[in-house]
């Protein structure tokens, strides 16, 4: 029991864009036809299980490098509650006591953000799904809870609009989504300036300061997945285990091993690498 208590106080947080974590069933309300057995991806239950179990094993493996399983895991590009339930109840993650939070968004492809949490280490008080109202995109997920230490934590998961159509055309959409995020942060900090907040997500744009990247585009590592932290002492890292990488034969070096390259099944897990944050005691 003493060892368990120690582990729960070792607080790590993970974020990962898991690149099209779809089930293989057609949803007539979503543009998910590619990810069915008859679709161009030939997405089968067997391939889904392989991806599900790979995501689970990656989450578990972070304990070796960071000292403990993540208390909170933010995810992007998940289709629905079914794929999350499969992840926490039917994969190698089963038995580690994770719950999940998910809300359906109006994204046309049906990809949402979600949050996994260890039920023994994080008690959820409040959940809200923050919507960008002028166009269909992913909602921003807001979760307020209490850590085992007794500290209240505000966790926010984002997946901002992509640069589809070019940076100039898409920049306004990201600005609108960021305005929703800013409004949420202002609401929290106005009431409680000392509030402990972690924003995590795929911002689909890089920060001004460069650091080790999470996604590789035309041979260049870019940092579009990142944390924003308020009133916490933390250390951060990109998680780069060998099994998430493959040789980059075009641009040299290594790159994330994605699930598909075009329509060809590549057997990997994501074109993004996870990021991990450790909260100092």
C-alpha atoms as a PDB file:
ATOM      1  CA  UNK A   1       0.000   0.000   0.000  1.00  0.00           C
ATOM      2  CA  UNK A   2       2.840   2.373   0.800  1.00  0.00           C
ATOM      3  CA  UNK A   3       4.360   1.777  -2.635  1.00  0.00           C
ATOM      4  CA  UNK A   4       1.035   2.465  -4.342  1.00  0.00           C
ATOM      5  CA  UNK A   5       0.696   5.797  -2.528  1.00  0.00           C
ATOM      6  CA  UNK A   6       4.195   6.779  -3.662  1.00  0.00           C
ATOM      7  CA  UNK A   7       3.375   5.927  -7.270  1.00  0.00           C
ATOM      8  CA  UNK A   8       0.182   7.998  -7.181  1.00  0.00           C
ATOM      9  CA  UNK A   9       2.150  11.054  -6.025  1.00  0.00           C
ATOM     10  CA  UNK A  10       4.507  10.709  -9.011  1.00  0.00           C
ATOM     11  CA  UNK A  11       2.333  12.763 -11.339  1.00  0.00           C
ATOM     12  CA  UNK A  12       2.990  12.564 -15.060  1.00  0.00           C
ATOM     13  CA  UNK A  13       0.744  13.797 -17.845  1.00  0.00           C
ATOM     14  CA  UNK A  14       0.857  12.623 -21.451  1.00  0.00           C
ATOM     15  CA  UNK A  15      -0.584  13.967 -24.694  1.00  0.00           C
ATOM     16  CA  UNK A  16      -0.688  12.113 -27.991  1.00  0.00           C
ATOM     17  CA  UNK A  17      -2.333  12.648 -31.353  1.00  0.00           C
ATOM     18  CA  UNK A  18      -3.017   9.004 -32.215  1.00  0.00           C
ATOM     19  CA  UNK A  19      -3.796   9.671 -35.897  1.00  0.00           C
ATOM     20  CA  UNK A  20      -7.198   8.382 -36.949  1.00  0.00           C
ATOM     21  CA  UNK A  21      -8.073   6.057 -34.089  1.00  0.00           C
ATOM     22  CA  UNK A  22     -11.249   4.830 -35.802  1.00  0.00           C
ATOM     23  CA  UNK A  23     -13.355   1.736 -35.315  1.00  0.00           C
ATOM     24  CA  UNK A  24     -13.985  -0.264 -38.535  1.00  0.00           C
ATOM     25  CA  UNK A  25     -17.743   0.382 -38.593  1.00  0.00           C
ATOM     26  CA  UNK A  26     -19.467   2.888 -40.845  1.00  0.00           C
ATOM     27  CA  UNK A  27     -21.156   5.814 -39.111  1.00  0.00           C
ATOM     28  CA  UNK A  28     -23.621   7.417 -41.557  1.00  0.00           C
ATOM     29  CA  UNK A  29     -23.305  10.748 -39.706  1.00  0.00           C
ATOM     30  CA  UNK A  30     -19.530  10.953 -40.152  1.00  0.00           C
ATOM     31  CA  UNK A  31     -17.082  11.031 -43.043  1.00  0.00           C
ATOM     32  CA  UNK A  32     -15.436   7.772 -41.938  1.00  0.00           C
ATOM     33  CA  UNK A  33     -16.000   5.628 -45.038  1.00  0.00           C
ATOM     34  CA  UNK A  34     -12.251   5.263 -45.667  1.00  0.00           C
ATOM     35  CA  UNK A  35     -11.873   3.491 -42.314  1.00  0.00           C
ATOM     36  CA  UNK A  36     -14.113   0.517 -43.005  1.00  0.00           C
ATOM     37  CA  UNK A  37     -13.245  -2.925 -44.439  1.00  0.00           C
ATOM     38  CA  UNK A  38     -14.660  -1.819 -47.810  1.00  0.00           C
ATOM     39  CA  UNK A  39     -13.048   1.633 -47.729  1.00  0.00           C
ATOM     40  CA  UNK A  40      -9.790   2.695 -49.360  1.00  0.00           C
ATOM     41  CA  UNK A  41      -7.888   1.961 -46.120  1.00  0.00           C
ATOM     42  CA  UNK A  42      -9.387  -1.542 -45.783  1.00  0.00           C
ATOM     43  CA  UNK A  43      -9.651  -0.884 -42.057  1.00  0.00           C
ATOM     44  CA  UNK A  44     -10.487  -4.176 -40.351  1.00  0.00           C
ATOM     45  CA  UNK A  45     -11.151  -5.243 -36.776  1.00  0.00           C
ATOM     46  CA  UNK A  46      -7.757  -6.942 -36.691  1.00  0.00           C
ATOM     47  CA  UNK A  47      -5.991  -3.739 -37.720  1.00  0.00           C
ATOM     48  CA  UNK A  48      -8.046  -1.789 -35.186  1.00  0.00           C
ATOM     49  CA  UNK A  49      -7.034  -4.204 -32.400  1.00  0.00           C
ATOM     50  CA  UNK A  50      -3.384  -3.880 -33.373  1.00  0.00           C
ATOM     51  CA  UNK A  51      -3.574  -0.102 -33.155  1.00  0.00           C
ATOM     52  CA  UNK A  52      -5.579  -0.209 -29.914  1.00  0.00           C
ATOM     53  CA  UNK A  53      -3.073  -2.503 -28.230  1.00  0.00           C
ATOM     54  CA  UNK A  54      -0.132  -0.478 -29.555  1.00  0.00           C
ATOM     55  CA  UNK A  55      -1.540   2.723 -28.082  1.00  0.00           C
ATOM     56  CA  UNK A  56      -2.049   0.944 -24.749  1.00  0.00           C
ATOM     57  CA  UNK A  57       1.473  -0.503 -24.689  1.00  0.00           C
ATOM     58  CA  UNK A  58       2.948   2.918 -25.487  1.00  0.00           C
ATOM     59  CA  UNK A  59       1.108   4.517 -22.569  1.00  0.00           C
ATOM     60  CA  UNK A  60       2.275   1.729 -20.242  1.00  0.00           C
ATOM     61  CA  UNK A  61       5.858   1.962 -21.485  1.00  0.00           C
ATOM     62  CA  UNK A  62       6.154   5.600 -20.385  1.00  0.00           C
ATOM     63  CA  UNK A  63       6.439   4.356 -16.783  1.00  0.00           C
ATOM     64  CA  UNK A  64       9.938   3.041 -17.563  1.00  0.00           C
ATOM     65  CA  UNK A  65      11.230   6.402 -18.703  1.00  0.00           C
ATOM     66  CA  UNK A  66       9.271   8.750 -16.451  1.00  0.00           C
ATOM     67  CA  UNK A  67       8.874   6.853 -13.194  1.00  0.00           C
ATOM     68  CA  UNK A  68       5.135   6.202 -13.194  1.00  0.00           C
ATOM     69  CA  UNK A  69       2.146   5.657 -15.415  1.00  0.00           C
ATOM     70  CA  UNK A  70       0.569   8.922 -16.521  1.00  0.00           C
ATOM     71  CA  UNK A  71      -2.247  10.082 -14.258  1.00  0.00           C
ATOM     72  CA  UNK A  72      -3.783  11.950 -17.206  1.00  0.00           C
ATOM     73  CA  UNK A  73      -3.530  11.189 -20.925  1.00  0.00           C
ATOM     74  CA  UNK A  74      -4.897  13.649 -23.463  1.00  0.00           C
ATOM     75  CA  UNK A  75      -5.676  12.147 -26.868  1.00  0.00           C
ATOM     76  CA  UNK A  76      -6.486  13.654 -30.250  1.00  0.00           C
ATOM     77  CA  UNK A  77      -8.098  12.051 -33.310  1.00  0.00           C
ATOM     78  CA  UNK A  78     -10.297   9.517 -31.523  1.00  0.00           C
ATOM     79  CA  UNK A  79     -13.597   8.652 -33.183  1.00  0.00           C
ATOM     80  CA  UNK A  80     -15.959   7.851 -30.329  1.00  0.00           C
ATOM     81  CA  UNK A  81     -16.566   6.362 -26.899  1.00  0.00           C
ATOM     82  CA  UNK A  82     -16.411   2.842 -28.281  1.00  0.00           C
ATOM     83  CA  UNK A  83     -12.736   3.074 -29.257  1.00  0.00           C
ATOM     84  CA  UNK A  84     -11.927   4.588 -25.849  1.00  0.00           C
ATOM     85  CA  UNK A  85     -13.824   1.881 -23.993  1.00  0.00           C
ATOM     86  CA  UNK A  86     -11.893  -0.696 -25.994  1.00  0.00           C
ATOM     87  CA  UNK A  87      -8.659   1.017 -24.979  1.00  0.00           C
ATOM     88  CA  UNK A  88      -9.303   1.119 -21.229  1.00  0.00           C
ATOM     89  CA  UNK A  89     -11.218  -2.188 -20.884  1.00  0.00           C
ATOM     90  CA  UNK A  90     -10.069  -4.548 -23.658  1.00  0.00           C
ATOM     91  CA  UNK A  91      -6.386  -3.768 -24.219  1.00  0.00           C
ATOM     92  CA  UNK A  92      -3.194  -4.220 -22.163  1.00  0.00           C
ATOM     93  CA  UNK A  93      -4.302  -1.030 -20.356  1.00  0.00           C
ATOM     94  CA  UNK A  94      -7.030  -3.064 -18.658  1.00  0.00           C
ATOM     95  CA  UNK A  95      -6.329  -3.448 -14.954  1.00  0.00           C
ATOM     96  CA  UNK A  96      -4.560  -0.101 -14.540  1.00  0.00           C
ATOM     97  CA  UNK A  97      -7.733   1.663 -13.455  1.00  0.00           C
ATOM     98  CA  UNK A  98      -8.202   4.193 -16.237  1.00  0.00           C
ATOM     99  CA  UNK A  99     -11.452   5.943 -16.979  1.00  0.00           C
ATOM    100  CA  UNK A 100     -12.118   8.228 -19.928  1.00  0.00           C
ATOM    101  CA  UNK A 101     -13.918  11.455 -20.784  1.00  0.00           C
ATOM    102  CA  UNK A 102     -15.177  12.167 -24.291  1.00  0.00           C
ATOM    103  CA  UNK A 103     -17.746  14.434 -25.905  1.00  0.00           C
ATOM    104  CA  UNK A 104     -18.945  14.228 -29.502  1.00  0.00           C
ATOM    105  CA  UNK A 105     -17.992  17.264 -31.559  1.00  0.00           C
ATOM    106  CA  UNK A 106     -19.279  18.519 -34.935  1.00  0.00           C
ATOM    107  CA  UNK A 107     -16.014  17.700 -36.733  1.00  0.00           C
ATOM    108  CA  UNK A 108     -16.980  16.413 -40.173  1.00  0.00           C
ATOM    109  CA  UNK A 109     -14.559  13.482 -40.048  1.00  0.00           C
ATOM    110  CA  UNK A 110     -15.745  12.544 -36.583  1.00  0.00           C
ATOM    111  CA  UNK A 111     -12.393  12.942 -34.836  1.00  0.00           C
ATOM    112  CA  UNK A 112     -12.482  14.300 -31.312  1.00  0.00           C
ATOM    113  CA  UNK A 113     -10.225  14.895 -28.332  1.00  0.00           C
ATOM    114  CA  UNK A 114     -10.520  12.833 -25.165  1.00  0.00           C
ATOM    115  CA  UNK A 115      -8.952  12.422 -21.762  1.00  0.00           C
ATOM    116  CA  UNK A 116      -7.939   9.246 -19.935  1.00  0.00           C
ATOM    117  CA  UNK A 117      -7.364   9.435 -16.195  1.00  0.00           C
ATOM    118  CA  UNK A 118      -6.370   7.046 -13.421  1.00  0.00           C
ATOM    119  CA  UNK A 119      -9.435   6.891 -11.225  1.00  0.00           C
ATOM    120  CA  UNK A 120      -7.373   6.262  -8.080  1.00  0.00           C
ATOM    121  CA  UNK A 121      -5.255   9.371  -8.667  1.00  0.00           C
ATOM    122  CA  UNK A 122      -7.601  11.959 -10.179  1.00  0.00           C
ATOM    123  CA  UNK A 123     -11.157  12.687  -9.025  1.00  0.00           C
ATOM    124  CA  UNK A 124     -13.212  14.448 -11.701  1.00  0.00           C
ATOM    125  CA  UNK A 125     -15.383  17.367 -10.534  1.00  0.00           C
ATOM    126  CA  UNK A 126     -16.439  19.075 -13.743  1.00  0.00           C
ATOM    127  CA  UNK A 127     -16.429  18.456 -17.501  1.00  0.00           C
ATOM    128  CA  UNK A 128     -17.251  20.903 -20.273  1.00  0.00           C
ATOM    129  CA  UNK A 129     -17.060  20.744 -24.047  1.00  0.00           C
ATOM    130  CA  UNK A 130     -16.180  24.157 -25.481  1.00  0.00           C
ATOM    131  CA  UNK A 131     -17.386  24.728 -29.030  1.00  0.00           C
ATOM    132  CA  UNK A 132     -16.169  26.951 -31.853  1.00  0.00           C
ATOM    133  CA  UNK A 133     -19.538  28.116 -33.135  1.00  0.00           C
ATOM    134  CA  UNK A 134     -18.831  29.606 -36.565  1.00  0.00           C
ATOM    135  CA  UNK A 135     -17.618  26.412 -38.284  1.00  0.00           C
ATOM    136  CA  UNK A 136     -17.513  22.660 -37.551  1.00  0.00           C
ATOM    137  CA  UNK A 137     -14.318  21.545 -35.827  1.00  0.00           C
ATOM    138  CA  UNK A 138     -13.145  19.683 -32.750  1.00  0.00           C
ATOM    139  CA  UNK A 139     -14.499  20.867 -29.409  1.00  0.00           C
ATOM    140  CA  UNK A 140     -12.055  21.852 -26.681  1.00  0.00           C
ATOM    141  CA  UNK A 141     -12.349  19.514 -23.695  1.00  0.00           C
ATOM    142  CA  UNK A 142     -12.172  21.035 -20.212  1.00  0.00           C
ATOM    143  CA  UNK A 143     -11.861  18.848 -17.113  1.00  0.00           C
ATOM    144  CA  UNK A 144     -11.519  20.006 -13.504  1.00  0.00           C
ATOM    145  CA  UNK A 145     -10.451  17.510 -10.866  1.00  0.00           C
ATOM    146  CA  UNK A 146      -8.375  16.798  -7.798  1.00  0.00           C
ATOM    147  CA  UNK A 147      -5.072  14.951  -7.708  1.00  0.00           C
ATOM    148  CA  UNK A 148      -4.143  12.486  -4.963  1.00  0.00           C
ATOM    149  CA  UNK A 149      -2.029  15.272  -3.428  1.00  0.00           C
ATOM    150  CA  UNK A 150      -5.194  17.277  -2.812  1.00  0.00           C
ATOM    151  CA  UNK A 151      -4.350  19.862  -5.473  1.00  0.00           C
ATOM    152  CA  UNK A 152      -7.091  20.978  -7.851  1.00  0.00           C
ATOM    153  CA  UNK A 153      -6.022  20.683 -11.491  1.00  0.00           C
ATOM    154  CA  UNK A 154      -7.663  22.141 -14.579  1.00  0.00           C
ATOM    155  CA  UNK A 155      -6.854  19.995 -17.653  1.00  0.00           C
ATOM    156  CA  UNK A 156      -7.692  21.236 -21.145  1.00  0.00           C
ATOM    157  CA  UNK A 157      -7.267  19.175 -24.331  1.00  0.00           C
ATOM    158  CA  UNK A 158      -7.203  20.875 -27.736  1.00  0.00           C
ATOM    159  CA  UNK A 159      -6.821  19.928 -31.388  1.00  0.00           C
ATOM    160  CA  UNK A 160      -6.873  23.155 -33.338  1.00  0.00           C
ATOM    161  CA  UNK A 161      -7.960  23.361 -37.011  1.00  0.00           C
ATOM    162  CA  UNK A 162      -5.359  22.185 -39.505  1.00  0.00           C
ATOM    163  CA  UNK A 163      -3.586  24.189 -42.182  1.00  0.00           C
ATOM    164  CA  UNK A 164      -5.713  22.569 -44.885  1.00  0.00           C
ATOM    165  CA  UNK A 165      -6.098  25.101 -47.670  1.00  0.00           C
ATOM    166  CA  UNK A 166      -2.924  26.943 -46.683  1.00  0.00           C
ATOM    167  CA  UNK A 167      -1.794  28.899 -43.653  1.00  0.00           C
ATOM    168  CA  UNK A 168      -3.383  32.155 -44.787  1.00  0.00           C
ATOM    169  CA  UNK A 169      -6.800  30.590 -45.396  1.00  0.00           C
ATOM    170  CA  UNK A 170      -6.774  28.491 -42.232  1.00  0.00           C
ATOM    171  CA  UNK A 171      -5.184  30.963 -39.815  1.00  0.00           C
ATOM    172  CA  UNK A 172      -8.502  32.636 -39.021  1.00  0.00           C
ATOM    173  CA  UNK A 173     -10.036  29.304 -38.025  1.00  0.00           C
ATOM    174  CA  UNK A 174      -7.207  28.623 -35.589  1.00  0.00           C
ATOM    175  CA  UNK A 175      -7.530  32.146 -34.207  1.00  0.00           C
ATOM    176  CA  UNK A 176     -11.225  31.557 -33.502  1.00  0.00           C
ATOM    177  CA  UNK A 177     -10.478  28.289 -31.709  1.00  0.00           C
ATOM    178  CA  UNK A 178      -7.712  29.988 -29.715  1.00  0.00           C
ATOM    179  CA  UNK A 179     -10.169  32.693 -28.695  1.00  0.00           C
ATOM    180  CA  UNK A 180     -12.411  29.995 -27.187  1.00  0.00           C
ATOM    181  CA  UNK A 181      -9.410  28.587 -25.328  1.00  0.00           C
ATOM    182  CA  UNK A 182      -8.371  32.055 -24.117  1.00  0.00           C
ATOM    183  CA  UNK A 183     -11.887  32.724 -22.842  1.00  0.00           C
ATOM    184  CA  UNK A 184     -11.783  29.494 -20.824  1.00  0.00           C
ATOM    185  CA  UNK A 185      -8.393  30.359 -19.341  1.00  0.00           C
ATOM    186  CA  UNK A 186      -9.509  33.888 -18.495  1.00  0.00           C
ATOM    187  CA  UNK A 187     -12.578  32.540 -16.702  1.00  0.00           C
ATOM    188  CA  UNK A 188     -10.460  30.238 -14.546  1.00  0.00           C
ATOM    189  CA  UNK A 189      -7.702  32.727 -13.768  1.00  0.00           C
ATOM    190  CA  UNK A 190      -9.988  35.664 -13.051  1.00  0.00           C
ATOM    191  CA  UNK A 191     -11.654  33.732 -10.240  1.00  0.00           C
ATOM    192  CA  UNK A 192      -8.458  32.021  -9.051  1.00  0.00           C
ATOM    193  CA  UNK A 193      -5.180  33.496 -10.363  1.00  0.00           C
ATOM    194  CA  UNK A 194      -3.154  30.759  -8.636  1.00  0.00           C
ATOM    195  CA  UNK A 195      -5.109  27.951 -10.358  1.00  0.00           C
ATOM    196  CA  UNK A 196      -3.022  25.017 -11.575  1.00  0.00           C
ATOM    197  CA  UNK A 197      -3.723  24.544 -15.272  1.00  0.00           C
ATOM    198  CA  UNK A 198      -2.362  22.250 -17.981  1.00  0.00           C
ATOM    199  CA  UNK A 199      -3.364  22.846 -21.595  1.00  0.00           C
ATOM    200  CA  UNK A 200      -2.253  20.026 -23.865  1.00  0.00           C
ATOM    201  CA  UNK A 201      -2.823  19.379 -27.508  1.00  0.00           C
ATOM    202  CA  UNK A 202      -2.102  19.530 -31.189  1.00  0.00           C
ATOM    203  CA  UNK A 203      -1.974  23.236 -32.047  1.00  0.00           C
ATOM    204  CA  UNK A 204      -1.314  22.588 -35.759  1.00  0.00           C
ATOM    205  CA  UNK A 205       1.253  25.370 -35.617  1.00  0.00           C
ATOM    206  CA  UNK A 206       4.674  25.697 -34.049  1.00  0.00           C
ATOM    207  CA  UNK A 207       5.718  27.878 -31.125  1.00  0.00           C
ATOM    208  CA  UNK A 208       8.109  30.782 -31.567  1.00  0.00           C
ATOM    209  CA  UNK A 209      10.840  28.945 -29.642  1.00  0.00           C
ATOM    210  CA  UNK A 210      12.130  25.774 -31.253  1.00  0.00           C
ATOM    211  CA  UNK A 211      12.568  22.493 -29.411  1.00  0.00           C
ATOM    212  CA  UNK A 212      12.671  18.813 -30.230  1.00  0.00           C
ATOM    213  CA  UNK A 213       9.805  18.087 -32.633  1.00  0.00           C
ATOM    214  CA  UNK A 214       6.874  15.685 -32.494  1.00  0.00           C
ATOM    215  CA  UNK A 215       6.000  15.418 -36.196  1.00  0.00           C
ATOM    216  CA  UNK A 216       8.221  15.319 -39.298  1.00  0.00           C
ATOM    217  CA  UNK A 217       7.192  17.082 -42.506  1.00  0.00           C
ATOM    218  CA  UNK A 218       9.447  16.958 -45.574  1.00  0.00           C
ATOM    219  CA  UNK A 219      12.452  16.117 -43.447  1.00  0.00           C
ATOM    220  CA  UNK A 220      11.921  18.845 -40.819  1.00  0.00           C
ATOM    221  CA  UNK A 221      10.822  18.112 -37.252  1.00  0.00           C
ATOM    222  CA  UNK A 222       8.049  20.464 -36.132  1.00  0.00           C
ATOM    223  CA  UNK A 223       6.657  21.117 -32.653  1.00  0.00           C
ATOM    224  CA  UNK A 224       2.896  21.347 -33.037  1.00  0.00           C
ATOM    225  CA  UNK A 225       2.085  19.151 -30.029  1.00  0.00           C
ATOM    226  CA  UNK A 226       2.816  20.912 -26.763  1.00  0.00           C
ATOM    227  CA  UNK A 227       1.808  21.851 -23.237  1.00  0.00           C
ATOM    228  CA  UNK A 228       0.901  25.235 -21.763  1.00  0.00           C
ATOM    229  CA  UNK A 229       1.297  25.225 -17.979  1.00  0.00           C
ATOM    230  CA  UNK A 230       0.216  27.671 -15.275  1.00  0.00           C
ATOM    231  CA  UNK A 231       1.336  27.682 -11.613  1.00  0.00           C
ATOM    232  CA  UNK A 232       3.122  24.332 -11.773  1.00  0.00           C
ATOM    233  CA  UNK A 233       6.791  23.362 -11.776  1.00  0.00           C
ATOM    234  CA  UNK A 234       7.220  20.823 -14.542  1.00  0.00           C
ATOM    235  CA  UNK A 235       9.692  19.138 -16.848  1.00  0.00           C
ATOM    236  CA  UNK A 236       8.708  18.141 -20.372  1.00  0.00           C
ATOM    237  CA  UNK A 237       9.974  15.717 -22.984  1.00  0.00           C
ATOM    238  CA  UNK A 238       9.080  14.255 -26.349  1.00  0.00           C
ATOM    239  CA  UNK A 239       8.697  10.500 -25.934  1.00  0.00           C
ATOM    240  CA  UNK A 240      10.703   8.824 -28.694  1.00  0.00           C
ATOM    241  CA  UNK A 241      10.810   5.036 -28.123  1.00  0.00           C
ATOM    242  CA  UNK A 242      12.295   3.056 -30.986  1.00  0.00           C
ATOM    243  CA  UNK A 243       9.041   1.201 -31.702  1.00  0.00           C
ATOM    244  CA  UNK A 244       7.273   4.457 -32.671  1.00  0.00           C
ATOM    245  CA  UNK A 245       9.947   5.291 -35.270  1.00  0.00           C
ATOM    246  CA  UNK A 246      11.156   4.050 -38.619  1.00  0.00           C
ATOM    247  CA  UNK A 247      13.893   4.974 -41.056  1.00  0.00           C
ATOM    248  CA  UNK A 248      13.236   8.065 -43.148  1.00  0.00           C
ATOM    249  CA  UNK A 249      14.502   6.856 -46.517  1.00  0.00           C
ATOM    250  CA  UNK A 250      13.742  10.126 -48.308  1.00  0.00           C
ATOM    251  CA  UNK A 251      15.150  12.711 -45.893  1.00  0.00           C
ATOM    252  CA  UNK A 252      17.446  10.477 -43.775  1.00  0.00           C
ATOM    253  CA  UNK A 253      17.314   9.959 -40.043  1.00  0.00           C
ATOM    254  CA  UNK A 254      14.172   8.634 -38.371  1.00  0.00           C
ATOM    255  CA  UNK A 255      10.495   9.572 -38.513  1.00  0.00           C
ATOM    256  CA  UNK A 256       7.288   8.488 -36.734  1.00  0.00           C
ATOM    257  CA  UNK A 257       5.959   5.205 -38.047  1.00  0.00           C
ATOM    258  CA  UNK A 258       2.445   6.086 -39.106  1.00  0.00           C
ATOM    259  CA  UNK A 259      -0.474   3.708 -39.621  1.00  0.00           C
ATOM    260  CA  UNK A 260      -0.864   4.462 -43.326  1.00  0.00           C
ATOM    261  CA  UNK A 261       1.293   6.038 -46.006  1.00  0.00           C
ATOM    262  CA  UNK A 262      -1.378   7.209 -48.424  1.00  0.00           C
ATOM    263  CA  UNK A 263      -3.663   4.188 -48.907  1.00  0.00           C
ATOM    264  CA  UNK A 264      -0.898   1.698 -48.042  1.00  0.00           C
ATOM    265  CA  UNK A 265      -1.068   0.095 -44.620  1.00  0.00           C
ATOM    266  CA  UNK A 266       2.224   0.746 -42.835  1.00  0.00           C
ATOM    267  CA  UNK A 267       1.463  -0.919 -39.505  1.00  0.00           C
ATOM    268  CA  UNK A 268       2.562   1.943 -37.257  1.00  0.00           C
ATOM    269  CA  UNK A 269       0.611   3.874 -34.645  1.00  0.00           C
ATOM    270  CA  UNK A 270       0.778   7.589 -35.481  1.00  0.00           C
ATOM    271  CA  UNK A 271       2.516  10.295 -37.472  1.00  0.00           C
ATOM    272  CA  UNK A 272       2.928  12.157 -34.153  1.00  0.00           C
ATOM    273  CA  UNK A 273       5.133  11.355 -31.172  1.00  0.00           C
ATOM    274  CA  UNK A 274       3.717  11.645 -27.652  1.00  0.00           C
ATOM    275  CA  UNK A 275       4.774  14.381 -25.263  1.00  0.00           C
ATOM    276  CA  UNK A 276       5.107  13.835 -21.523  1.00  0.00           C
ATOM    277  CA  UNK A 277       5.086  16.311 -18.662  1.00  0.00           C
ATOM    278  CA  UNK A 278       6.207  15.547 -15.104  1.00  0.00           C
ATOM    279  CA  UNK A 279       4.921  17.687 -12.247  1.00  0.00           C
ATOM    280  CA  UNK A 280       7.523  18.428  -9.593  1.00  0.00           C
ATOM    281  CA  UNK A 281       6.411  17.609  -6.002  1.00  0.00           C
END
